Amino acid sequence: MLRVELTRGNGDMSQTNPAMTYLAGLVGAETCLRLVFPDEATRPCLRYFRELQRKRLLPFKKIGRRTFFDPVEVRRALDRQFSVHPR
């Protein structure tokens, strides 16, 4: 699998967070949740993750009956949707 790093800001690699390195590819909801939120103590529950999916706040792919997520796209969507910017 391909390893992908998410960067903040203008894409400067000096701002890369090693905790935000994912394996590229499609994964199920539980695996995506574990990859995007590595700390189990602060990880939201699967039910909330599915609620975000149902509200179309998370990108996902449907292949037949199965639902897959790209952890990199999910992280970007969460950053875009839930970031609080200073005034």
PDB file of N, CA and C in Angstrom:
ATOM      1  N   MET A   1       0.831  -1.182   0.000  1.00  0.00           N
ATOM      2  CA  MET A   1       0.000   0.000   0.000  1.00  0.00           C
ATOM      3  C   MET A   1       0.877   1.246   0.000  1.00  0.00           C
ATOM      4  N   LEU A   2       0.299   2.319  -0.428  1.00  0.00           N
ATOM      5  CA  LEU A   2       0.977   3.599  -0.518  1.00  0.00           C
ATOM      6  C   LEU A   2       0.791   4.376   0.774  1.00  0.00           C
ATOM      7  N   ARG A   3       1.861   4.973   1.281  1.00  0.00           N
ATOM      8  CA  ARG A   3       1.781   5.771   2.498  1.00  0.00           C
ATOM      9  C   ARG A   3       1.618   7.237   2.110  1.00  0.00           C
ATOM     10  N   VAL A   4       0.634   7.895   2.696  1.00  0.00           N
ATOM     11  CA  VAL A   4       0.312   9.291   2.383  1.00  0.00           C
ATOM     12  C   VAL A   4       0.421  10.110   3.650  1.00  0.00           C
ATOM     13  N   GLU A   5       0.998  11.315   3.534  1.00  0.00           N
ATOM     14  CA  GLU A   5       1.100  12.211   4.682  1.00  0.00           C
ATOM     15  C   GLU A   5       0.231  13.429   4.448  1.00  0.00           C
ATOM     16  N   LEU A   6      -0.505  13.811   5.470  1.00  0.00           N
ATOM     17  CA  LEU A   6      -1.297  15.039   5.408  1.00  0.00           C
ATOM     18  C   LEU A   6      -0.453  16.180   5.957  1.00  0.00           C
ATOM     19  N   THR A   7      -0.528  17.319   5.305  1.00  0.00           N
ATOM     20  CA  THR A   7       0.196  18.491   5.784  1.00  0.00           C
ATOM     21  C   THR A   7      -0.792  19.595   6.071  1.00  0.00           C
ATOM     22  N   ARG A   8      -0.400  20.511   6.918  1.00  0.00           N
ATOM     23  CA  ARG A   8      -1.233  21.668   7.220  1.00  0.00           C
ATOM     24  C   ARG A   8      -0.663  22.871   6.485  1.00  0.00           C
ATOM     25  N   GLY A   9      -1.500  23.855   6.317  1.00  0.00           N
ATOM     26  CA  GLY A   9      -1.037  25.104   5.714  1.00  0.00           C
ATOM     27  C   GLY A   9      -0.870  24.985   4.212  1.00  0.00           C
ATOM     28  N   ASN A  10       0.256  25.490   3.714  1.00  0.00           N
ATOM     29  CA  ASN A  10       0.481  25.566   2.273  1.00  0.00           C
ATOM     30  C   ASN A  10       1.127  24.311   1.706  1.00  0.00           C
ATOM     31  N   GLY A  11       1.146  23.214   2.435  1.00  0.00           N
ATOM     32  CA  GLY A  11       1.742  21.984   1.934  1.00  0.00           C
ATOM     33  C   GLY A  11       3.210  21.858   2.261  1.00  0.00           C
ATOM     34  N   ASP A  12       3.751  22.765   3.068  1.00  0.00           N
ATOM     35  CA  ASP A  12       5.143  22.724   3.475  1.00  0.00           C
ATOM     36  C   ASP A  12       5.395  21.462   4.292  1.00  0.00           C
ATOM     37  N   MET A  13       6.342  20.653   3.866  1.00  0.00           N
ATOM     38  CA  MET A  13       6.587  19.377   4.532  1.00  0.00           C
ATOM     39  C   MET A  13       7.144  19.552   5.946  1.00  0.00           C
ATOM     40  N   SER A  14       7.612  20.755   6.297  1.00  0.00           N
ATOM     41  CA  SER A  14       8.103  20.984   7.652  1.00  0.00           C
ATOM     42  C   SER A  14       6.960  20.954   8.666  1.00  0.00           C
ATOM     43  N   GLN A  15       5.718  21.093   8.185  1.00  0.00           N
ATOM     44  CA  GLN A  15       4.562  21.093   9.066  1.00  0.00           C
ATOM     45  C   GLN A  15       3.873  19.735   9.121  1.00  0.00           C
ATOM     46  N   THR A  16       4.488  18.698   8.564  1.00  0.00           N
ATOM     47  CA  THR A  16       3.882  17.371   8.548  1.00  0.00           C
ATOM     48  C   THR A  16       3.838  16.796   9.954  1.00  0.00           C
ATOM     49  N   ASN A  17       2.687  16.300  10.328  1.00  0.00           N
ATOM     50  CA  ASN A  17       2.501  15.666  11.620  1.00  0.00           C
ATOM     51  C   ASN A  17       2.643  14.159  11.431  1.00  0.00           C
ATOM     52  N   PRO A  18       3.625  13.513  12.089  1.00  0.00           N
ATOM     53  CA  PRO A  18       3.802  12.075  11.879  1.00  0.00           C
ATOM     54  C   PRO A  18       2.590  11.254  12.303  1.00  0.00           C
ATOM     55  N   ALA A  19       1.752  11.772  13.182  1.00  0.00           N
ATOM     56  CA  ALA A  19       0.559  11.041  13.600  1.00  0.00           C
ATOM     57  C   ALA A  19      -0.492  11.024  12.499  1.00  0.00           C
ATOM     58  N   MET A  20      -0.333  11.874  11.489  1.00  0.00           N
ATOM     59  CA  MET A  20      -1.315  11.954  10.414  1.00  0.00           C
ATOM     60  C   MET A  20      -0.810  11.274   9.144  1.00  0.00           C
ATOM     61  N   THR A  21      -0.043  10.193   9.282  1.00  0.00           N
ATOM     62  CA  THR A  21       0.410   9.422   8.147  1.00  0.00           C
ATOM     63  C   THR A  21      -0.474   8.194   8.046  1.00  0.00           C
ATOM     64  N   TYR A  22      -1.117   8.029   6.902  1.00  0.00           N
ATOM     65  CA  TYR A  22      -2.058   6.933   6.707  1.00  0.00           C
ATOM     66  C   TYR A  22      -1.586   6.055   5.561  1.00  0.00           C
ATOM     67  N   LEU A  23      -2.070   4.845   5.545  1.00  0.00           N
ATOM     68  CA  LEU A  23      -1.915   4.005   4.369  1.00  0.00           C
ATOM     69  C   LEU A  23      -3.030   4.368   3.404  1.00  0.00           C
ATOM     70  N   ALA A  24      -2.665   4.670   2.165  1.00  0.00           N
ATOM     71  CA  ALA A  24      -3.666   5.057   1.179  1.00  0.00           C
ATOM     72  C   ALA A  24      -4.458   3.835   0.756  1.00  0.00           C
ATOM     73  N   GLY A  25      -5.723   4.011   0.609  1.00  0.00           N
ATOM     74  CA  GLY A  25      -6.597   2.933   0.177  1.00  0.00           C
ATOM     75  C   GLY A  25      -7.945   3.062   0.839  1.00  0.00           C
ATOM     76  N   LEU A  26      -8.863   2.250   0.408  1.00  0.00           N
ATOM     77  CA  LEU A  26     -10.207   2.283   0.952  1.00  0.00           C
ATOM     78  C   LEU A  26     -10.328   1.292   2.100  1.00  0.00           C
ATOM     79  N   VAL A  27     -10.971   1.742   3.169  1.00  0.00           N
ATOM     80  CA  VAL A  27     -11.132   0.908   4.366  1.00  0.00           C
ATOM     81  C   VAL A  27     -12.567   1.015   4.859  1.00  0.00           C
ATOM     82  N   GLY A  28     -12.947   0.146   5.767  1.00  0.00           N
ATOM     83  CA  GLY A  28     -14.271   0.182   6.365  1.00  0.00           C
ATOM     84  C   GLY A  28     -14.372   1.290   7.404  1.00  0.00           C
ATOM     85  N   ALA A  29     -15.566   1.472   7.938  1.00  0.00           N
ATOM     86  CA  ALA A  29     -15.833   2.560   8.874  1.00  0.00           C
ATOM     87  C   ALA A  29     -15.015   2.433  10.156  1.00  0.00           C
ATOM     88  N   GLU A  30     -14.961   1.256  10.748  1.00  0.00           N
ATOM     89  CA  GLU A  30     -14.229   1.081  12.009  1.00  0.00           C
ATOM     90  C   GLU A  30     -12.743   1.338  11.824  1.00  0.00           C
ATOM     91  N   THR A  31     -12.174   0.827  10.733  1.00  0.00           N
ATOM     92  CA  THR A  31     -10.752   1.043  10.464  1.00  0.00           C
ATOM     93  C   THR A  31     -10.469   2.509  10.195  1.00  0.00           C
ATOM     94  N   CYS A  32     -11.334   3.159   9.448  1.00  0.00           N
ATOM     95  CA  CYS A  32     -11.170   4.584   9.163  1.00  0.00           C
ATOM     96  C   CYS A  32     -11.215   5.393  10.447  1.00  0.00           C
ATOM     97  N   LEU A  33     -12.136   5.046  11.316  1.00  0.00           N
ATOM     98  CA  LEU A  33     -12.258   5.737  12.599  1.00  0.00           C
ATOM     99  C   LEU A  33     -10.974   5.602  13.407  1.00  0.00           C
ATOM    100  N   ARG A  34     -10.388   4.395  13.423  1.00  0.00           N
ATOM    101  CA  ARG A  34      -9.134   4.172  14.153  1.00  0.00           C
ATOM    102  C   ARG A  34      -7.971   4.928  13.524  1.00  0.00           C
ATOM    103  N   LEU A  35      -7.940   5.034  12.188  1.00  0.00           N
ATOM    104  CA  LEU A  35      -6.840   5.734  11.527  1.00  0.00           C
ATOM    105  C   LEU A  35      -6.938   7.242  11.693  1.00  0.00           C
ATOM    106  N   VAL A  36      -8.128   7.782  11.581  1.00  0.00           N
ATOM    107  CA  VAL A  36      -8.305   9.237  11.666  1.00  0.00           C
ATOM    108  C   VAL A  36      -8.205   9.722  13.106  1.00  0.00           C
ATOM    109  N   PHE A  37      -8.661   8.908  14.059  1.00  0.00           N
ATOM    110  CA  PHE A  37      -8.591   9.241  15.488  1.00  0.00           C
ATOM    111  C   PHE A  37      -7.778   8.170  16.208  1.00  0.00           C
ATOM    112  N   PRO A  38      -6.445   8.270  16.197  1.00  0.00           N
ATOM    113  CA  PRO A  38      -5.616   7.208  16.769  1.00  0.00           C
ATOM    114  C   PRO A  38      -5.725   7.065  18.287  1.00  0.00           C
ATOM    115  N   ASP A  39      -6.078   8.128  19.003  1.00  0.00           N
ATOM    116  CA  ASP A  39      -6.184   8.062  20.459  1.00  0.00           C
ATOM    117  C   ASP A  39      -7.552   7.515  20.845  1.00  0.00           C
ATOM    118  N   GLU A  40      -7.574   6.321  21.408  1.00  0.00           N
ATOM    119  CA  GLU A  40      -8.827   5.659  21.740  1.00  0.00           C
ATOM    120  C   GLU A  40      -9.646   6.434  22.774  1.00  0.00           C
ATOM    121  N   ALA A  41      -8.967   7.149  23.653  1.00  0.00           N
ATOM    122  CA  ALA A  41      -9.668   7.882  24.718  1.00  0.00           C
ATOM    123  C   ALA A  41     -10.496   9.041  24.166  1.00  0.00           C
ATOM    124  N   THR A  42     -10.069   9.642  23.070  1.00  0.00           N
ATOM    125  CA  THR A  42     -10.779  10.801  22.521  1.00  0.00           C
ATOM    126  C   THR A  42     -11.504  10.483  21.216  1.00  0.00           C
ATOM    127  N   ARG A  43     -11.477   9.248  20.787  1.00  0.00           N
ATOM    128  CA  ARG A  43     -12.111   8.838  19.535  1.00  0.00           C
ATOM    129  C   ARG A  43     -13.637   8.857  19.671  1.00  0.00           C
ATOM    130  N   PRO A  44     -14.338   9.467  18.688  1.00  0.00           N
ATOM    131  CA  PRO A  44     -15.800   9.403  18.739  1.00  0.00           C
ATOM    132  C   PRO A  44     -16.276   7.976  18.477  1.00  0.00           C
ATOM    133  N   CYS A  45     -17.503   7.704  18.838  1.00  0.00           N
ATOM    134  CA  CYS A  45     -18.031   6.350  18.666  1.00  0.00           C
ATOM    135  C   CYS A  45     -18.418   6.119  17.196  1.00  0.00           C
ATOM    136  N   LEU A  46     -18.553   4.860  16.845  1.00  0.00           N
ATOM    137  CA  LEU A  46     -18.924   4.478  15.490  1.00  0.00           C
ATOM    138  C   LEU A  46     -20.298   5.036  15.110  1.00  0.00           C
ATOM    139  N   ARG A  47     -21.194   5.100  16.076  1.00  0.00           N
ATOM    140  CA  ARG A  47     -22.533   5.631  15.803  1.00  0.00           C
ATOM    141  C   ARG A  47     -22.465   7.085  15.344  1.00  0.00           C
ATOM    142  N   TYR A  48     -21.616   7.915  15.974  1.00  0.00           N
ATOM    143  CA  TYR A  48     -21.456   9.309  15.572  1.00  0.00           C
ATOM    144  C   TYR A  48     -20.811   9.392  14.183  1.00  0.00           C
ATOM    145  N   PHE A  49     -19.832   8.526  13.924  1.00  0.00           N
ATOM    146  CA  PHE A  49     -19.177   8.477  12.616  1.00  0.00           C
ATOM    147  C   PHE A  49     -20.211   8.175  11.525  1.00  0.00           C
ATOM    148  N   ARG A  50     -21.082   7.210  11.786  1.00  0.00           N
ATOM    149  CA  ARG A  50     -22.146   6.856  10.834  1.00  0.00           C
ATOM    150  C   ARG A  50     -23.161   8.003  10.683  1.00  0.00           C
ATOM    151  N   GLU A  51     -23.390   8.758  11.751  1.00  0.00           N
ATOM    152  CA  GLU A  51     -24.285   9.910  11.674  1.00  0.00           C
ATOM    153  C   GLU A  51     -23.697  10.977  10.751  1.00  0.00           C
ATOM    154  N   LEU A  52     -22.385  11.217  10.853  1.00  0.00           N
ATOM    155  CA  LEU A  52     -21.726  12.163   9.953  1.00  0.00           C
ATOM    156  C   LEU A  52     -21.819  11.679   8.509  1.00  0.00           C
ATOM    157  N   GLN A  53     -21.696  10.376   8.318  1.00  0.00           N
ATOM    158  CA  GLN A  53     -21.842   9.795   6.983  1.00  0.00           C
ATOM    159  C   GLN A  53     -23.260  10.016   6.464  1.00  0.00           C
ATOM    160  N   ARG A  54     -24.255   9.761   7.298  1.00  0.00           N
ATOM    161  CA  ARG A  54     -25.657   9.905   6.920  1.00  0.00           C
ATOM    162  C   ARG A  54     -25.982  11.358   6.553  1.00  0.00           C
ATOM    163  N   LYS A  55     -25.339  12.310   7.253  1.00  0.00           N
ATOM    164  CA  LYS A  55     -25.544  13.739   6.960  1.00  0.00           C
ATOM    165  C   LYS A  55     -24.708  14.223   5.779  1.00  0.00           C
ATOM    166  N   ARG A  56     -23.968  13.297   5.160  1.00  0.00           N
ATOM    167  CA  ARG A  56     -23.109  13.599   4.000  1.00  0.00           C
ATOM    168  C   ARG A  56     -21.977  14.563   4.344  1.00  0.00           C
ATOM    169  N   LEU A  57     -21.495  14.519   5.576  1.00  0.00           N
ATOM    170  CA  LEU A  57     -20.356  15.342   5.976  1.00  0.00           C
ATOM    171  C   LEU A  57     -19.037  14.611   5.750  1.00  0.00           C
ATOM    172  N   LEU A  58     -19.104  13.297   5.549  1.00  0.00           N
ATOM    173  CA  LEU A  58     -17.914  12.489   5.285  1.00  0.00           C
ATOM    174  C   LEU A  58     -18.013  11.889   3.889  1.00  0.00           C
ATOM    175  N   PRO A  59     -16.929  11.961   3.119  1.00  0.00           N
ATOM    176  CA  PRO A  59     -16.955  11.326   1.795  1.00  0.00           C
ATOM    177  C   PRO A  59     -16.832   9.805   1.940  1.00  0.00           C
ATOM    178  N   PHE A  60     -17.589   9.087   1.129  1.00  0.00           N
ATOM    179  CA  PHE A  60     -17.518   7.627   1.153  1.00  0.00           C
ATOM    180  C   PHE A  60     -17.825   7.083  -0.234  1.00  0.00           C
ATOM    181  N   LYS A  61     -17.470   5.825  -0.438  1.00  0.00           N
ATOM    182  CA  LYS A  61     -17.699   5.145  -1.706  1.00  0.00           C
ATOM    183  C   LYS A  61     -18.595   3.937  -1.450  1.00  0.00           C
ATOM    184  N   LYS A  62     -19.563   3.723  -2.316  1.00  0.00           N
ATOM    185  CA  LYS A  62     -20.421   2.541  -2.235  1.00  0.00           C
ATOM    186  C   LYS A  62     -20.027   1.605  -3.374  1.00  0.00           C
ATOM    187  N   ILE A  63     -19.670   0.397  -3.026  1.00  0.00           N
ATOM    188  CA  ILE A  63     -19.371  -0.638  -4.012  1.00  0.00           C
ATOM    189  C   ILE A  63     -20.292  -1.800  -3.677  1.00  0.00           C
ATOM    190  N   GLY A  64     -21.327  -1.931  -4.466  1.00  0.00           N
ATOM    191  CA  GLY A  64     -22.359  -2.907  -4.138  1.00  0.00           C
ATOM    192  C   GLY A  64     -23.049  -2.492  -2.851  1.00  0.00           C
ATOM    193  N   ARG A  65     -23.120  -3.407  -1.904  1.00  0.00           N
ATOM    194  CA  ARG A  65     -23.716  -3.090  -0.597  1.00  0.00           C
ATOM    195  C   ARG A  65     -22.705  -2.513   0.383  1.00  0.00           C
ATOM    196  N   ARG A  66     -21.441  -2.649   0.065  1.00  0.00           N
ATOM    197  CA  ARG A  66     -20.386  -2.250   1.005  1.00  0.00           C
ATOM    198  C   ARG A  66     -20.078  -0.766   0.908  1.00  0.00           C
ATOM    199  N   THR A  67     -19.714  -0.192   2.031  1.00  0.00           N
ATOM    200  CA  THR A  67     -19.348   1.223   2.116  1.00  0.00           C
ATOM    201  C   THR A  67     -17.881   1.319   2.509  1.00  0.00           C
ATOM    202  N   PHE A  68     -17.118   2.119   1.771  1.00  0.00           N
ATOM    203  CA  PHE A  68     -15.693   2.283   2.027  1.00  0.00           C
ATOM    204  C   PHE A  68     -15.368   3.766   2.204  1.00  0.00           C
ATOM    205  N   PHE A  69     -14.308   4.014   2.953  1.00  0.00           N
ATOM    206  CA  PHE A  69     -13.843   5.372   3.226  1.00  0.00           C
ATOM    207  C   PHE A  69     -12.368   5.466   2.879  1.00  0.00           C
ATOM    208  N   ASP A  70     -11.955   6.633   2.403  1.00  0.00           N
ATOM    209  CA  ASP A  70     -10.536   6.943   2.224  1.00  0.00           C
ATOM    210  C   ASP A  70     -10.154   7.814   3.418  1.00  0.00           C
ATOM    211  N   PRO A  71      -9.291   7.314   4.328  1.00  0.00           N
ATOM    212  CA  PRO A  71      -8.961   8.077   5.539  1.00  0.00           C
ATOM    213  C   PRO A  71      -8.411   9.472   5.258  1.00  0.00           C
ATOM    214  N   VAL A  72      -7.675   9.631   4.170  1.00  0.00           N
ATOM    215  CA  VAL A  72      -7.125  10.947   3.832  1.00  0.00           C
ATOM    216  C   VAL A  72      -8.254  11.908   3.477  1.00  0.00           C
ATOM    217  N   GLU A  73      -9.210  11.456   2.662  1.00  0.00           N
ATOM    218  CA  GLU A  73     -10.343  12.305   2.299  1.00  0.00           C
ATOM    219  C   GLU A  73     -11.219  12.615   3.507  1.00  0.00           C
ATOM    220  N   VAL A  74     -11.401  11.646   4.389  1.00  0.00           N
ATOM    221  CA  VAL A  74     -12.209  11.859   5.597  1.00  0.00           C
ATOM    222  C   VAL A  74     -11.554  12.914   6.477  1.00  0.00           C
ATOM    223  N   ARG A  75     -10.239  12.814   6.663  1.00  0.00           N
ATOM    224  CA  ARG A  75      -9.536  13.803   7.491  1.00  0.00           C
ATOM    225  C   ARG A  75      -9.647  15.198   6.904  1.00  0.00           C
ATOM    226  N   ARG A  76      -9.493  15.306   5.591  1.00  0.00           N
ATOM    227  CA  ARG A  76      -9.626  16.616   4.939  1.00  0.00           C
ATOM    228  C   ARG A  76     -11.039  17.173   5.095  1.00  0.00           C
ATOM    229  N   ALA A  77     -12.040  16.312   4.968  1.00  0.00           N
ATOM    230  CA  ALA A  77     -13.429  16.752   5.125  1.00  0.00           C
ATOM    231  C   ALA A  77     -13.689  17.231   6.548  1.00  0.00           C
ATOM    232  N   LEU A  78     -13.145  16.518   7.533  1.00  0.00           N
ATOM    233  CA  LEU A  78     -13.312  16.932   8.928  1.00  0.00           C
ATOM    234  C   LEU A  78     -12.617  18.269   9.181  1.00  0.00           C
ATOM    235  N   ASP A  79     -11.421  18.434   8.631  1.00  0.00           N
ATOM    236  CA  ASP A  79     -10.706  19.707   8.782  1.00  0.00           C
ATOM    237  C   ASP A  79     -11.490  20.851   8.144  1.00  0.00           C
ATOM    238  N   ARG A  80     -12.042  20.605   6.983  1.00  0.00           N
ATOM    239  CA  ARG A  80     -12.788  21.641   6.271  1.00  0.00           C
ATOM    240  C   ARG A  80     -14.096  21.974   6.996  1.00  0.00           C
ATOM    241  N   GLN A  81     -14.790  20.969   7.489  1.00  0.00           N
ATOM    242  CA  GLN A  81     -16.117  21.162   8.070  1.00  0.00           C
ATOM    243  C   GLN A  81     -16.079  21.686   9.515  1.00  0.00           C
ATOM    244  N   PHE A  82     -15.104  21.225  10.302  1.00  0.00           N
ATOM    245  CA  PHE A  82     -15.140  21.490  11.737  1.00  0.00           C
ATOM    246  C   PHE A  82     -14.007  22.362  12.270  1.00  0.00           C
ATOM    247  N   SER A  83     -13.207  22.965  11.403  1.00  0.00           N
ATOM    248  CA  SER A  83     -12.135  23.847  11.863  1.00  0.00           C
ATOM    249  C   SER A  83     -12.716  25.178  12.314  1.00  0.00           C
ATOM    250  N   VAL A  84     -12.219  25.667  13.421  1.00  0.00           N
ATOM    251  CA  VAL A  84     -12.621  26.970  13.940  1.00  0.00           C
ATOM    252  C   VAL A  84     -11.461  27.915  13.682  1.00  0.00           C
ATOM    253  N   HIS A  85     -11.730  28.961  12.937  1.00  0.00           N
ATOM    254  CA  HIS A  85     -10.691  29.924  12.564  1.00  0.00           C
ATOM    255  C   HIS A  85     -10.769  31.154  13.465  1.00  0.00           C
ATOM    256  N   PRO A  86      -9.613  31.711  13.853  1.00  0.00           N
ATOM    257  CA  PRO A  86      -9.623  32.913  14.695  1.00  0.00           C
ATOM    258  C   PRO A  86     -10.186  34.105  13.938  1.00  0.00           C
ATOM    259  N   ARG A  87     -10.740  35.033  14.678  1.00  0.00           N
ATOM    260  CA  ARG A  87     -11.308  36.244  14.057  1.00  0.00           C
ATOM    261  C   ARG A  87     -10.253  37.264  13.769  1.00  0.00           C
TER     262      ARG A  87
END
